[in-house]
């Protein structure tokens, strides 16, 4: 499945240069790895985001968020965020910051 390259470009521009980011093809899209851990990505037209288990339930209550489900079983701690095309950069940055906060708690790989 092709991924939304415009969304990927927006993510590249919004991820802070203080975090070394590596891009990998993953989940049929592209993932942005920070310190060796998936932080965010793009699958189709949706933002994939790793928020971690403690923030997961709260983030699911936010507009445009839904469980990340590839196999019929949601991946706890991972979300899809829909409708990013109409989202302001500030709102997209808030989502990315959630992922960055979680990944910052993990040891570097």
PDB file of N, CA and C in Angstrom:
ATOM      1  N   UNK A   1       0.858  -1.173   0.000  1.00  0.00           N
ATOM      2  CA  UNK A   1       0.000   0.000   0.000  1.00  0.00           C
ATOM      3  C   UNK A   1       0.904   1.236   0.000  1.00  0.00           C
ATOM      4  N   UNK A   2       0.698   2.149  -0.908  1.00  0.00           N
ATOM      5  CA  UNK A   2       1.491   3.380  -0.895  1.00  0.00           C
ATOM      6  C   UNK A   2       1.120   4.238   0.319  1.00  0.00           C
ATOM      7  N   UNK A   3       2.065   5.044   0.734  1.00  0.00           N
ATOM      8  CA  UNK A   3       1.794   5.934   1.866  1.00  0.00           C
ATOM      9  C   UNK A   3       1.780   7.380   1.393  1.00  0.00           C
ATOM     10  N   UNK A   4       1.159   8.228   2.182  1.00  0.00           N
ATOM     11  CA  UNK A   4       1.005   9.646   1.873  1.00  0.00           C
ATOM     12  C   UNK A   4       2.352  10.346   2.052  1.00  0.00           C
ATOM     13  N   UNK A   5       3.024  10.606   0.945  1.00  0.00           N
ATOM     14  CA  UNK A   5       4.343  11.232   0.995  1.00  0.00           C
ATOM     15  C   UNK A   5       4.265  12.658   1.541  1.00  0.00           C
ATOM     16  N   UNK A   6       3.157  13.344   1.308  1.00  0.00           N
ATOM     17  CA  UNK A   6       3.012  14.712   1.861  1.00  0.00           C
ATOM     18  C   UNK A   6       3.015  14.681   3.381  1.00  0.00           C
ATOM     19  N   UNK A   7       2.309  13.704   3.953  1.00  0.00           N
ATOM     20  CA  UNK A   7       2.304  13.574   5.418  1.00  0.00           C
ATOM     21  C   UNK A   7       3.706  13.215   5.911  1.00  0.00           C
ATOM     22  N   UNK A   8       4.388  12.331   5.210  1.00  0.00           N
ATOM     23  CA  UNK A   8       5.757  11.973   5.597  1.00  0.00           C
ATOM     24  C   UNK A   8       6.666  13.207   5.572  1.00  0.00           C
ATOM     25  N   UNK A   9       6.516  14.057   4.566  1.00  0.00           N
ATOM     26  CA  UNK A   9       7.313  15.284   4.479  1.00  0.00           C
ATOM     27  C   UNK A   9       7.004  16.225   5.651  1.00  0.00           C
ATOM     28  N   UNK A  10       5.739  16.329   6.007  1.00  0.00           N
ATOM     29  CA  UNK A  10       5.361  17.180   7.147  1.00  0.00           C
ATOM     30  C   UNK A  10       5.996  16.655   8.433  1.00  0.00           C
ATOM     31  N   UNK A  11       5.992  15.339   8.603  1.00  0.00           N
ATOM     32  CA  UNK A  11       6.590  14.750   9.804  1.00  0.00           C
ATOM     33  C   UNK A  11       8.093  15.023   9.825  1.00  0.00           C
ATOM     34  N   UNK A  12       8.751  14.837   8.695  1.00  0.00           N
ATOM     35  CA  UNK A  12      10.195  15.114   8.611  1.00  0.00           C
ATOM     36  C   UNK A  12      10.492  16.554   9.041  1.00  0.00           C
ATOM     37  N   UNK A  13       9.669  17.480   8.600  1.00  0.00           N
ATOM     38  CA  UNK A  13       9.885  18.894   8.906  1.00  0.00           C
ATOM     39  C   UNK A  13       9.606  19.213  10.372  1.00  0.00           C
ATOM     40  N   UNK A  14       8.699  18.456  11.008  1.00  0.00           N
ATOM     41  CA  UNK A  14       8.290  18.772  12.375  1.00  0.00           C
ATOM     42  C   UNK A  14       9.097  18.037  13.448  1.00  0.00           C
ATOM     43  N   UNK A  15       9.722  16.922  13.098  1.00  0.00           N
ATOM     44  CA  UNK A  15      10.535  16.229  14.108  1.00  0.00           C
ATOM     45  C   UNK A  15      11.756  17.079  14.407  1.00  0.00           C
ATOM     46  N   UNK A  16      12.014  17.326  15.675  1.00  0.00           N
ATOM     47  CA  UNK A  16      13.113  18.236  16.023  1.00  0.00           C
ATOM     48  C   UNK A  16      14.481  17.649  15.673  1.00  0.00           C
ATOM     49  N   UNK A  17      15.405  18.499  15.244  1.00  0.00           N
ATOM     50  CA  UNK A  17      16.737  18.016  14.870  1.00  0.00           C
ATOM     51  C   UNK A  17      17.534  17.497  16.063  1.00  0.00           C
ATOM     52  N   UNK A  18      17.068  17.749  17.282  1.00  0.00           N
ATOM     53  CA  UNK A  18      17.757  17.266  18.472  1.00  0.00           C
ATOM     54  C   UNK A  18      17.612  15.764  18.640  1.00  0.00           C
ATOM     55  N   UNK A  19      16.671  15.153  17.915  1.00  0.00           N
ATOM     56  CA  UNK A  19      16.465  13.710  17.984  1.00  0.00           C
ATOM     57  C   UNK A  19      16.939  13.089  16.671  1.00  0.00           C
ATOM     58  N   UNK A  20      17.956  12.229  16.737  1.00  0.00           N
ATOM     59  CA  UNK A  20      18.367  11.564  15.501  1.00  0.00           C
ATOM     60  C   UNK A  20      17.256  10.634  15.019  1.00  0.00           C
ATOM     61  N   UNK A  21      16.839  10.816  13.781  1.00  0.00           N
ATOM     62  CA  UNK A  21      15.714  10.066  13.218  1.00  0.00           C
ATOM     63  C   UNK A  21      16.212   9.196  12.074  1.00  0.00           C
ATOM     64  N   UNK A  22      15.782   7.944  12.090  1.00  0.00           N
ATOM     65  CA  UNK A  22      16.070   7.022  11.006  1.00  0.00           C
ATOM     66  C   UNK A  22      14.732   6.616  10.400  1.00  0.00           C
ATOM     67  N   UNK A  23      14.676   6.537   9.091  1.00  0.00           N
ATOM     68  CA  UNK A  23      13.442   6.123   8.411  1.00  0.00           C
ATOM     69  C   UNK A  23      13.570   4.672   7.970  1.00  0.00           C
ATOM     70  N   UNK A  24      12.492   3.906   8.206  1.00  0.00           N
ATOM     71  CA  UNK A  24      12.461   2.499   7.792  1.00  0.00           C
ATOM     72  C   UNK A  24      11.110   2.196   7.184  1.00  0.00           C
ATOM     73  N   UNK A  25      11.125   1.354   6.164  1.00  0.00           N
ATOM     74  CA  UNK A  25       9.873   0.848   5.610  1.00  0.00           C
ATOM     75  C   UNK A  25       9.320  -0.159   6.600  1.00  0.00           C
ATOM     76  N   UNK A  26       8.059   0.031   6.989  1.00  0.00           N
ATOM     77  CA  UNK A  26       7.455  -0.819   8.008  1.00  0.00           C
ATOM     78  C   UNK A  26       5.942  -0.734   7.904  1.00  0.00           C
ATOM     79  N   UNK A  27       5.241  -1.806   8.197  1.00  0.00           N
ATOM     80  CA  UNK A  27       3.779  -1.833   8.212  1.00  0.00           C
ATOM     81  C   UNK A  27       3.185  -1.367   6.885  1.00  0.00           C
ATOM     82  N   UNK A  28       3.867  -1.606   5.784  1.00  0.00           N
ATOM     83  CA  UNK A  28       3.372  -1.186   4.482  1.00  0.00           C
ATOM     84  C   UNK A  28       3.487   0.309   4.258  1.00  0.00           C
ATOM     85  N   UNK A  29       4.225   0.986   5.096  1.00  0.00           N
ATOM     86  CA  UNK A  29       4.404   2.430   4.979  1.00  0.00           C
ATOM     87  C   UNK A  29       5.826   2.790   5.353  1.00  0.00           C
ATOM     88  N   UNK A  30       5.964   3.898   6.053  1.00  0.00           N
ATOM     89  CA  UNK A  30       7.274   4.357   6.497  1.00  0.00           C
ATOM     90  C   UNK A  30       7.199   4.669   7.979  1.00  0.00           C
ATOM     91  N   UNK A  31       8.241   4.302   8.709  1.00  0.00           N
ATOM     92  CA  UNK A  31       8.305   4.570  10.147  1.00  0.00           C
ATOM     93  C   UNK A  31       9.476   5.499  10.423  1.00  0.00           C
ATOM     94  N   UNK A  32       9.284   6.362  11.391  1.00  0.00           N
ATOM     95  CA  UNK A  32      10.320   7.280  11.840  1.00  0.00           C
ATOM     96  C   UNK A  32      10.803   6.770  13.190  1.00  0.00           C
ATOM     97  N   UNK A  33      12.054   6.322  13.207  1.00  0.00           N
ATOM     98  CA  UNK A  33      12.648   5.711  14.381  1.00  0.00           C
ATOM     99  C   UNK A  33      13.485   6.757  15.116  1.00  0.00           C
ATOM    100  N   UNK A  34      13.296   6.839  16.424  1.00  0.00           N
ATOM    101  CA  UNK A  34      14.078   7.743  17.268  1.00  0.00           C
ATOM    102  C   UNK A  34      14.789   6.869  18.298  1.00  0.00           C
ATOM    103  N   UNK A  35      16.108   6.971  18.346  1.00  0.00           N
ATOM    104  CA  UNK A  35      16.929   6.130  19.232  1.00  0.00           C
ATOM    105  C   UNK A  35      16.642   4.645  19.034  1.00  0.00           C
ATOM    106  N   UNK A  36      16.332   4.256  17.801  1.00  0.00           N
ATOM    107  CA  UNK A  36      16.101   2.865  17.475  1.00  0.00           C
ATOM    108  C   UNK A  36      14.690   2.364  17.715  1.00  0.00           C
ATOM    109  N   UNK A  37      13.805   3.225  18.174  1.00  0.00           N
ATOM    110  CA  UNK A  37      12.423   2.844  18.470  1.00  0.00           C
ATOM    111  C   UNK A  37      11.459   3.575  17.543  1.00  0.00           C
ATOM    112  N   UNK A  38      10.420   2.869  17.082  1.00  0.00           N
ATOM    113  CA  UNK A  38       9.414   3.534  16.270  1.00  0.00           C
ATOM    114  C   UNK A  38       8.717   4.592  17.104  1.00  0.00           C
ATOM    115  N   UNK A  39       8.667   5.796  16.578  1.00  0.00           N
ATOM    116  CA  UNK A  39       7.989   6.910  17.232  1.00  0.00           C
ATOM    117  C   UNK A  39       6.714   7.248  16.475  1.00  0.00           C
ATOM    118  N   UNK A  40       6.837   7.391  15.177  1.00  0.00           N
ATOM    119  CA  UNK A  40       5.710   7.780  14.328  1.00  0.00           C
ATOM    120  C   UNK A  40       5.918   7.146  12.964  1.00  0.00           C
ATOM    121  N   UNK A  41       4.901   7.258  12.138  1.00  0.00           N
ATOM    122  CA  UNK A  41       5.013   6.741  10.790  1.00  0.00           C
ATOM    123  C   UNK A  41       3.783   7.083   9.975  1.00  0.00           C
ATOM    124  N   UNK A  42       3.783   6.611   8.755  1.00  0.00           N
ATOM    125  CA  UNK A  42       2.658   6.844   7.852  1.00  0.00           C
ATOM    126  C   UNK A  42       2.294   5.513   7.204  1.00  0.00           C
ATOM    127  N   UNK A  43       1.031   5.150   7.300  1.00  0.00           N
ATOM    128  CA  UNK A  43       0.486   3.970   6.628  1.00  0.00           C
ATOM    129  C   UNK A  43      -0.724   4.445   5.853  1.00  0.00           C
ATOM    130  N   UNK A  44      -0.661   4.354   4.536  1.00  0.00           N
ATOM    131  CA  UNK A  44      -1.736   4.914   3.721  1.00  0.00           C
ATOM    132  C   UNK A  44      -1.766   6.418   3.929  1.00  0.00           C
ATOM    133  N   UNK A  45      -2.913   6.932   4.358  1.00  0.00           N
ATOM    134  CA  UNK A  45      -3.052   8.368   4.617  1.00  0.00           C
ATOM    135  C   UNK A  45      -3.087   8.674   6.111  1.00  0.00           C
ATOM    136  N   UNK A  46      -2.785   7.666   6.934  1.00  0.00           N
ATOM    137  CA  UNK A  46      -2.910   7.853   8.378  1.00  0.00           C
ATOM    138  C   UNK A  46      -1.553   7.955   9.064  1.00  0.00           C
ATOM    139  N   UNK A  47      -1.530   8.770  10.103  1.00  0.00           N
ATOM    140  CA  UNK A  47      -0.373   8.857  10.978  1.00  0.00           C
ATOM    141  C   UNK A  47      -0.399   7.653  11.908  1.00  0.00           C
ATOM    142  N   UNK A  48       0.723   6.943  11.998  1.00  0.00           N
ATOM    143  CA  UNK A  48       0.898   5.902  13.009  1.00  0.00           C
ATOM    144  C   UNK A  48       1.699   6.549  14.131  1.00  0.00           C
ATOM    145  N   UNK A  49       1.308   6.275  15.365  1.00  0.00           N
ATOM    146  CA  UNK A  49       1.979   6.926  16.475  1.00  0.00           C
ATOM    147  C   UNK A  49       2.119   5.970  17.639  1.00  0.00           C
ATOM    148  N   UNK A  50       3.292   5.951  18.231  1.00  0.00           N
ATOM    149  CA  UNK A  50       3.544   5.138  19.414  1.00  0.00           C
ATOM    150  C   UNK A  50       3.485   6.043  20.634  1.00  0.00           C
ATOM    151  N   UNK A  51       2.456   5.861  21.437  1.00  0.00           N
ATOM    152  CA  UNK A  51       2.279   6.700  22.626  1.00  0.00           C
ATOM    153  C   UNK A  51       2.558   5.945  23.913  1.00  0.00           C
ATOM    154  N   UNK A  52       2.716   4.626  23.829  1.00  0.00           N
ATOM    155  CA  UNK A  52       2.991   3.821  25.009  1.00  0.00           C
ATOM    156  C   UNK A  52       1.731   3.401  25.732  1.00  0.00           C
ATOM    157  N   UNK A  53       1.830   2.370  26.553  1.00  0.00           N
ATOM    158  CA  UNK A  53       0.648   1.820  27.223  1.00  0.00           C
ATOM    159  C   UNK A  53      -0.013   2.778  28.219  1.00  0.00           C
ATOM    160  N   UNK A  54       0.768   3.611  28.898  1.00  0.00           N
ATOM    161  CA  UNK A  54       0.156   4.467  29.925  1.00  0.00           C
ATOM    162  C   UNK A  54      -0.668   5.609  29.327  1.00  0.00           C
ATOM    163  N   UNK A  55      -0.311   6.094  28.148  1.00  0.00           N
ATOM    164  CA  UNK A  55      -1.056   7.190  27.508  1.00  0.00           C
ATOM    165  C   UNK A  55      -2.088   6.690  26.504  1.00  0.00           C
ATOM    166  N   UNK A  56      -2.074   5.405  26.229  1.00  0.00           N
ATOM    167  CA  UNK A  56      -2.890   4.824  25.161  1.00  0.00           C
ATOM    168  C   UNK A  56      -4.389   5.105  25.316  1.00  0.00           C
ATOM    169  N   UNK A  57      -4.968   4.741  26.436  1.00  0.00           N
ATOM    170  CA  UNK A  57      -6.417   4.891  26.624  1.00  0.00           C
ATOM    171  C   UNK A  57      -6.843   6.358  26.547  1.00  0.00           C
ATOM    172  N   UNK A  58      -6.058   7.221  27.144  1.00  0.00           N
ATOM    173  CA  UNK A  58      -6.386   8.655  27.125  1.00  0.00           C
ATOM    174  C   UNK A  58      -6.308   9.211  25.702  1.00  0.00           C
ATOM    175  N   UNK A  59      -5.310   8.799  24.945  1.00  0.00           N
ATOM    176  CA  UNK A  59      -5.162   9.277  23.568  1.00  0.00           C
ATOM    177  C   UNK A  59      -6.283   8.768  22.669  1.00  0.00           C
ATOM    178  N   UNK A  60      -6.788   7.568  22.949  1.00  0.00           N
ATOM    179  CA  UNK A  60      -7.895   7.037  22.140  1.00  0.00           C
ATOM    180  C   UNK A  60      -9.149   7.899  22.238  1.00  0.00           C
ATOM    181  N   UNK A  61      -9.270   8.667  23.303  1.00  0.00           N
ATOM    182  CA  UNK A  61     -10.438   9.538  23.500  1.00  0.00           C
ATOM    183  C   UNK A  61     -10.338  10.829  22.693  1.00  0.00           C
ATOM    184  N   UNK A  62      -9.169  11.115  22.148  1.00  0.00           N
ATOM    185  CA  UNK A  62      -8.958  12.361  21.408  1.00  0.00           C
ATOM    186  C   UNK A  62      -9.522  12.243  19.991  1.00  0.00           C
ATOM    187  N   UNK A  63      -9.940  13.382  19.413  1.00  0.00           N
ATOM    188  CA  UNK A  63     -10.472  13.363  18.049  1.00  0.00           C
ATOM    189  C   UNK A  63      -9.460  12.788  17.067  1.00  0.00           C
ATOM    190  N   UNK A  64      -9.951  12.014  16.127  1.00  0.00           N
ATOM    191  CA  UNK A  64      -9.187  11.423  15.024  1.00  0.00           C
ATOM    192  C   UNK A  64      -8.335  10.225  15.414  1.00  0.00           C
ATOM    193  N   UNK A  65      -8.276   9.859  16.694  1.00  0.00           N
ATOM    194  CA  UNK A  65      -7.452   8.731  17.129  1.00  0.00           C
ATOM    195  C   UNK A  65      -8.258   7.439  17.107  1.00  0.00           C
ATOM    196  N   UNK A  66      -7.581   6.367  16.727  1.00  0.00           N
ATOM    197  CA  UNK A  66      -8.194   5.039  16.792  1.00  0.00           C
ATOM    198  C   UNK A  66      -7.098   4.017  17.026  1.00  0.00           C
ATOM    199  N   UNK A  67      -7.494   2.843  17.480  1.00  0.00           N
ATOM    200  CA  UNK A  67      -6.524   1.788  17.757  1.00  0.00           C
ATOM    201  C   UNK A  67      -5.808   1.380  16.467  1.00  0.00           C
ATOM    202  N   UNK A  68      -4.540   1.096  16.582  1.00  0.00           N
ATOM    203  CA  UNK A  68      -3.768   0.605  15.440  1.00  0.00           C
ATOM    204  C   UNK A  68      -3.973  -0.897  15.380  1.00  0.00           C
ATOM    205  N   UNK A  69      -4.599  -1.337  14.306  1.00  0.00           N
ATOM    206  CA  UNK A  69      -5.009  -2.730  14.199  1.00  0.00           C
ATOM    207  C   UNK A  69      -4.706  -3.238  12.799  1.00  0.00           C
ATOM    208  N   UNK A  70      -3.696  -4.083  12.681  1.00  0.00           N
ATOM    209  CA  UNK A  70      -3.362  -4.676  11.388  1.00  0.00           C
ATOM    210  C   UNK A  70      -3.859  -6.111  11.277  1.00  0.00           C
ATOM    211  N   UNK A  71      -3.969  -6.785  12.407  1.00  0.00           N
ATOM    212  CA  UNK A  71      -4.210  -8.224  12.392  1.00  0.00           C
ATOM    213  C   UNK A  71      -5.533  -8.633  13.017  1.00  0.00           C
ATOM    214  N   UNK A  72      -6.391  -7.678  13.357  1.00  0.00           N
ATOM    215  CA  UNK A  72      -7.620  -7.995  14.063  1.00  0.00           C
ATOM    216  C   UNK A  72      -7.444  -7.870  15.563  1.00  0.00           C
ATOM    217  N   UNK A  73      -6.234  -7.542  15.979  1.00  0.00           N
ATOM    218  CA  UNK A  73      -5.945  -7.353  17.392  1.00  0.00           C
ATOM    219  C   UNK A  73      -5.202  -6.026  17.554  1.00  0.00           C
ATOM    220  N   UNK A  74      -5.787  -5.058  18.268  1.00  0.00           N
ATOM    221  CA  UNK A  74      -5.122  -3.750  18.413  1.00  0.00           C
ATOM    222  C   UNK A  74      -3.741  -3.890  19.063  1.00  0.00           C
ATOM    223  N   UNK A  75      -2.834  -3.059  18.614  1.00  0.00           N
ATOM    224  CA  UNK A  75      -1.486  -3.018  19.188  1.00  0.00           C
ATOM    225  C   UNK A  75      -1.489  -1.979  20.310  1.00  0.00           C
ATOM    226  N   UNK A  76      -1.499  -2.442  21.535  1.00  0.00           N
ATOM    227  CA  UNK A  76      -1.565  -1.555  22.699  1.00  0.00           C
ATOM    228  C   UNK A  76      -0.370  -0.605  22.692  1.00  0.00           C
ATOM    229  N   UNK A  77      -0.665   0.661  22.860  1.00  0.00           N
ATOM    230  CA  UNK A  77       0.384   1.671  22.881  1.00  0.00           C
ATOM    231  C   UNK A  77       0.631   2.331  21.534  1.00  0.00           C
ATOM    232  N   UNK A  78      -0.038   1.828  20.480  1.00  0.00           N
ATOM    233  CA  UNK A  78       0.107   2.377  19.135  1.00  0.00           C
ATOM    234  C   UNK A  78      -1.256   2.851  18.637  1.00  0.00           C
ATOM    235  N   UNK A  79      -1.281   3.980  17.942  1.00  0.00           N
ATOM    236  CA  UNK A  79      -2.520   4.562  17.423  1.00  0.00           C
ATOM    237  C   UNK A  79      -2.410   4.860  15.942  1.00  0.00           C
ATOM    238  N   UNK A  80      -3.555   4.958  15.319  1.00  0.00           N
ATOM    239  CA  UNK A  80      -3.683   5.616  14.030  1.00  0.00           C
ATOM    240  C   UNK A  80      -4.345   6.957  14.302  1.00  0.00           C
ATOM    241  N   UNK A  81      -3.911   7.989  13.609  1.00  0.00           N
ATOM    242  CA  UNK A  81      -4.546   9.304  13.686  1.00  0.00           C
ATOM    243  C   UNK A  81      -5.007   9.630  12.276  1.00  0.00           C
ATOM    244  N   UNK A  82      -6.317   9.816  12.132  1.00  0.00           N
ATOM    245  CA  UNK A  82      -6.930  10.079  10.826  1.00  0.00           C
ATOM    246  C   UNK A  82      -7.046  11.573  10.565  1.00  0.00           C
ATOM    247  N   UNK A  83      -7.398  11.903   9.349  1.00  0.00           N
ATOM    248  CA  UNK A  83      -7.704  13.282   8.933  1.00  0.00           C
ATOM    249  C   UNK A  83      -6.537  14.236   9.148  1.00  0.00           C
ATOM    250  N   UNK A  84      -5.329  13.766   8.902  1.00  0.00           N
ATOM    251  CA  UNK A  84      -4.169  14.634   9.097  1.00  0.00           C
ATOM    252  C   UNK A  84      -3.993  15.643   7.971  1.00  0.00           C
ATOM    253  N   UNK A  85      -4.580  15.398   6.810  1.00  0.00           N
ATOM    254  CA  UNK A  85      -4.417  16.317   5.676  1.00  0.00           C
ATOM    255  C   UNK A  85      -4.945  17.708   6.010  1.00  0.00           C
ATOM    256  N   UNK A  86      -6.028  17.776   6.751  1.00  0.00           N
ATOM    257  CA  UNK A  86      -6.598  19.074   7.116  1.00  0.00           C
ATOM    258  C   UNK A  86      -6.107  19.603   8.448  1.00  0.00           C
ATOM    259  N   UNK A  87      -5.174  18.909   9.053  1.00  0.00           N
ATOM    260  CA  UNK A  87      -4.679  19.265  10.377  1.00  0.00           C
ATOM    261  C   UNK A  87      -3.604  20.351  10.267  1.00  0.00           C
ATOM    262  N   UNK A  88      -3.692  21.341  11.126  1.00  0.00           N
ATOM    263  CA  UNK A  88      -2.658  22.375  11.184  1.00  0.00           C
ATOM    264  C   UNK A  88      -1.360  21.756  11.690  1.00  0.00           C
ATOM    265  N   UNK A  89      -0.224  22.361  11.314  1.00  0.00           N
ATOM    266  CA  UNK A  89       1.062  21.854  11.762  1.00  0.00           C
ATOM    267  C   UNK A  89       1.148  21.801  13.283  1.00  0.00           C
ATOM    268  N   UNK A  90       0.534  22.749  13.964  1.00  0.00           N
ATOM    269  CA  UNK A  90       0.575  22.776  15.426  1.00  0.00           C
ATOM    270  C   UNK A  90      -0.097  21.542  16.021  1.00  0.00           C
ATOM    271  N   UNK A  91      -1.217  21.136  15.438  1.00  0.00           N
ATOM    272  CA  UNK A  91      -1.922  19.955  15.930  1.00  0.00           C
ATOM    273  C   UNK A  91      -1.126  18.684  15.614  1.00  0.00           C
ATOM    274  N   UNK A  92      -0.574  18.602  14.426  1.00  0.00           N
ATOM    275  CA  UNK A  92       0.264  17.460  14.077  1.00  0.00           C
ATOM    276  C   UNK A  92       1.479  17.409  15.008  1.00  0.00           C
ATOM    277  N   UNK A  93       2.052  18.561  15.319  1.00  0.00           N
ATOM    278  CA  UNK A  93       3.198  18.614  16.239  1.00  0.00           C
ATOM    279  C   UNK A  93       2.811  18.087  17.620  1.00  0.00           C
ATOM    280  N   UNK A  94       1.611  18.407  18.090  1.00  0.00           N
ATOM    281  CA  UNK A  94       1.148  17.888  19.386  1.00  0.00           C
ATOM    282  C   UNK A  94       1.113  16.370  19.377  1.00  0.00           C
ATOM    283  N   UNK A  95       0.629  15.783  18.285  1.00  0.00           N
ATOM    284  CA  UNK A  95       0.609  14.326  18.184  1.00  0.00           C
ATOM    285  C   UNK A  95       2.033  13.779  18.195  1.00  0.00           C
ATOM    286  N   UNK A  96       2.911  14.346  17.406  1.00  0.00           N
ATOM    287  CA  UNK A  96       4.294  13.875  17.352  1.00  0.00           C
ATOM    288  C   UNK A  96       4.975  14.003  18.708  1.00  0.00           C
ATOM    289  N   UNK A  97       4.687  15.074  19.427  1.00  0.00           N
ATOM    290  CA  UNK A  97       5.272  15.262  20.760  1.00  0.00           C
ATOM    291  C   UNK A  97       4.856  14.142  21.709  1.00  0.00           C
ATOM    292  N   UNK A  98       3.634  13.651  21.564  1.00  0.00           N
ATOM    293  CA  UNK A  98       3.193  12.519  22.400  1.00  0.00           C
ATOM    294  C   UNK A  98       4.076  11.297  22.141  1.00  0.00           C
ATOM    295  N   UNK A  99       4.347  11.040  20.876  1.00  0.00           N
ATOM    296  CA  UNK A  99       5.218   9.923  20.532  1.00  0.00           C
ATOM    297  C   UNK A  99       6.646  10.137  21.015  1.00  0.00           C
ATOM    298  N   UNK A 100       7.161  11.334  20.835  1.00  0.00           N
ATOM    299  CA  UNK A 100       8.524  11.642  21.275  1.00  0.00           C
ATOM    300  C   UNK A 100       8.655  11.504  22.784  1.00  0.00           C
ATOM    301  N   UNK A 101       7.645  11.942  23.536  1.00  0.00           N
ATOM    302  CA  UNK A 101       7.684  11.822  25.002  1.00  0.00           C
ATOM    303  C   UNK A 101       7.808  10.362  25.418  1.00  0.00           C
ATOM    304  N   UNK A 102       7.027   9.481  24.758  1.00  0.00           N
ATOM    305  CA  UNK A 102       7.100   8.074  25.138  1.00  0.00           C
ATOM    306  C   UNK A 102       8.455   7.474  24.761  1.00  0.00           C
ATOM    307  N   UNK A 103       8.900   7.695  23.546  1.00  0.00           N
ATOM    308  CA  UNK A 103      10.140   7.092  23.077  1.00  0.00           C
ATOM    309  C   UNK A 103      11.331   7.586  23.923  1.00  0.00           C
ATOM    310  N   UNK A 104      11.246   8.794  24.458  1.00  0.00           N
ATOM    311  CA  UNK A 104      12.315   9.320  25.309  1.00  0.00           C
ATOM    312  C   UNK A 104      12.459   8.515  26.606  1.00  0.00           C
ATOM    313  N   UNK A 105      11.416   7.759  26.989  1.00  0.00           N
ATOM    314  CA  UNK A 105      11.499   6.956  28.207  1.00  0.00           C
ATOM    315  C   UNK A 105      12.166   5.610  27.969  1.00  0.00           C
ATOM    316  N   UNK A 106      12.408   5.254  26.716  1.00  0.00           N
ATOM    317  CA  UNK A 106      12.981   3.954  26.378  1.00  0.00           C
ATOM    318  C   UNK A 106      14.495   4.045  26.237  1.00  0.00           C
ATOM    319  N   UNK A 107      15.203   2.978  26.610  1.00  0.00           N
ATOM    320  CA  UNK A 107      16.662   3.008  26.413  1.00  0.00           C
ATOM    321  C   UNK A 107      16.996   2.972  24.926  1.00  0.00           C
ATOM    322  N   UNK A 108      18.037   3.657  24.545  1.00  0.00           N
ATOM    323  CA  UNK A 108      18.454   3.671  23.139  1.00  0.00           C
ATOM    324  C   UNK A 108      18.859   2.265  22.717  1.00  0.00           C
ATOM    325  N   UNK A 109      18.554   1.939  21.469  1.00  0.00           N
ATOM    326  CA  UNK A 109      18.954   0.623  20.924  1.00  0.00           C
ATOM    327  C   UNK A 109      20.278   0.757  20.217  1.00  0.00           C
TER     328      UNK A 109
END
